């Protein structure tokens, strides 16, 4: 990274890529809940994903998670 050139850009510093920031969410949310007994998962509704602001390099990142409900699926893990 060229920090001098980034300082002259529109954000005034280097910033993290949006998908890098997004990749931290499972780790942070994992402190709130755990999903067990599954063999595979899919990325669902990424088409509605938005990045409303930049994340300057070196920033602290946090997430806000609200667990609304837990319901058994009726299907066991398939392997």
Protein backbone atom coordinates (compact mmCIF):
# COMPACT_ATOMS: atom_id res chain seq x y z
CA UNK A 1 0.00 0.00 0.00
CA UNK A 2 1.21 3.46 -0.85
CA UNK A 3 0.14 5.37 2.25
CA UNK A 4 1.30 8.73 0.87
CA UNK A 5 -0.79 8.31 -2.27
CA UNK A 6 -3.78 7.05 -0.23
CA UNK A 7 -3.53 10.18 1.97
CA UNK A 8 -4.10 12.28 -1.16
CA UNK A 9 -7.16 10.26 -2.21
CA UNK A 10 -10.82 10.83 -1.41
CA UNK A 11 -10.69 8.95 1.92
CA UNK A 12 -7.49 10.52 3.25
CA UNK A 13 -5.97 7.16 4.18
CA UNK A 14 -5.88 3.50 3.17
CA UNK A 15 -9.18 1.66 3.61
CA UNK A 16 -10.21 -1.98 4.01
CA UNK A 17 -11.99 -3.68 1.12
CA UNK A 18 -15.70 -4.16 1.83
CA UNK A 19 -15.54 -7.94 1.50
CA UNK A 20 -12.62 -8.08 3.93
CA UNK A 21 -14.82 -6.28 6.45
CA UNK A 22 -17.71 -8.62 5.63
CA UNK A 23 -15.50 -11.66 6.21
CA UNK A 24 -15.15 -10.63 9.88
CA UNK A 25 -18.90 -10.90 10.60
CA UNK A 26 -19.04 -14.70 11.15
CA UNK A 27 -16.19 -14.50 13.65
CA UNK A 28 -17.79 -11.61 15.52
CA UNK A 29 -21.31 -13.11 15.42
CA UNK A 30 -19.85 -16.43 16.61
CA UNK A 31 -19.43 -14.81 20.01
CA UNK A 32 -23.25 -14.54 20.22
CA UNK A 33 -24.47 -17.84 18.76
CA UNK A 34 -23.20 -21.12 17.36
CA UNK A 35 -24.53 -23.22 14.50
CA UNK A 36 -23.81 -26.93 14.90
CA UNK A 37 -24.62 -30.14 13.08
CA UNK A 38 -24.59 -28.84 9.52
CA UNK A 39 -22.55 -30.19 6.66
CA UNK A 40 -22.80 -27.23 4.27
CA UNK A 41 -23.99 -23.63 4.17
CA UNK A 42 -24.72 -21.14 1.40
CA UNK A 43 -24.31 -17.40 1.04
CA UNK A 44 -27.85 -16.09 0.79
CA UNK A 45 -28.99 -12.67 -0.42
CA UNK A 46 -25.63 -11.06 -1.05
CA UNK A 47 -27.40 -9.08 -3.76
CA UNK A 48 -28.88 -6.85 -1.01
CA UNK A 49 -25.55 -6.26 0.68
CA UNK A 50 -24.49 -2.62 1.01
CA UNK A 51 -21.37 -0.97 2.40
CA UNK A 52 -22.62 2.41 3.71
CA UNK A 53 -19.22 3.75 4.75
CA UNK A 54 -15.52 3.12 4.43
CA UNK A 55 -13.39 1.39 7.06
CA UNK A 56 -10.03 3.14 7.44
CA UNK A 57 -7.06 0.80 7.97
CA UNK A 58 -6.42 0.22 11.67
CA UNK A 59 -10.03 0.88 12.68
CA UNK A 60 -11.84 -1.15 15.31
CA UNK A 61 -14.67 -3.21 13.85
CA UNK A 62 -17.75 -4.45 15.67
CA UNK A 63 -21.07 -5.97 14.72
CA UNK A 64 -24.53 -5.80 16.21
CA UNK A 65 -26.39 -9.11 16.28
CA UNK A 66 -29.97 -9.64 17.39
CA UNK A 67 -31.20 -13.23 17.61
CA UNK A 68 -34.94 -13.05 16.93
CA UNK A 69 -35.93 -16.72 17.10
CA UNK A 70 -34.65 -20.27 17.19
CA UNK A 71 -36.67 -22.99 15.57
CA UNK A 72 -35.77 -26.64 14.91
CA UNK A 73 -35.73 -27.40 11.21
CA UNK A 74 -36.98 -30.96 11.63
CA UNK A 75 -34.11 -32.17 9.46
CA UNK A 76 -30.95 -33.67 10.87
CA UNK A 77 -27.51 -33.01 9.44
CA UNK A 78 -27.01 -34.73 6.11
CA UNK A 79 -23.65 -36.25 5.41
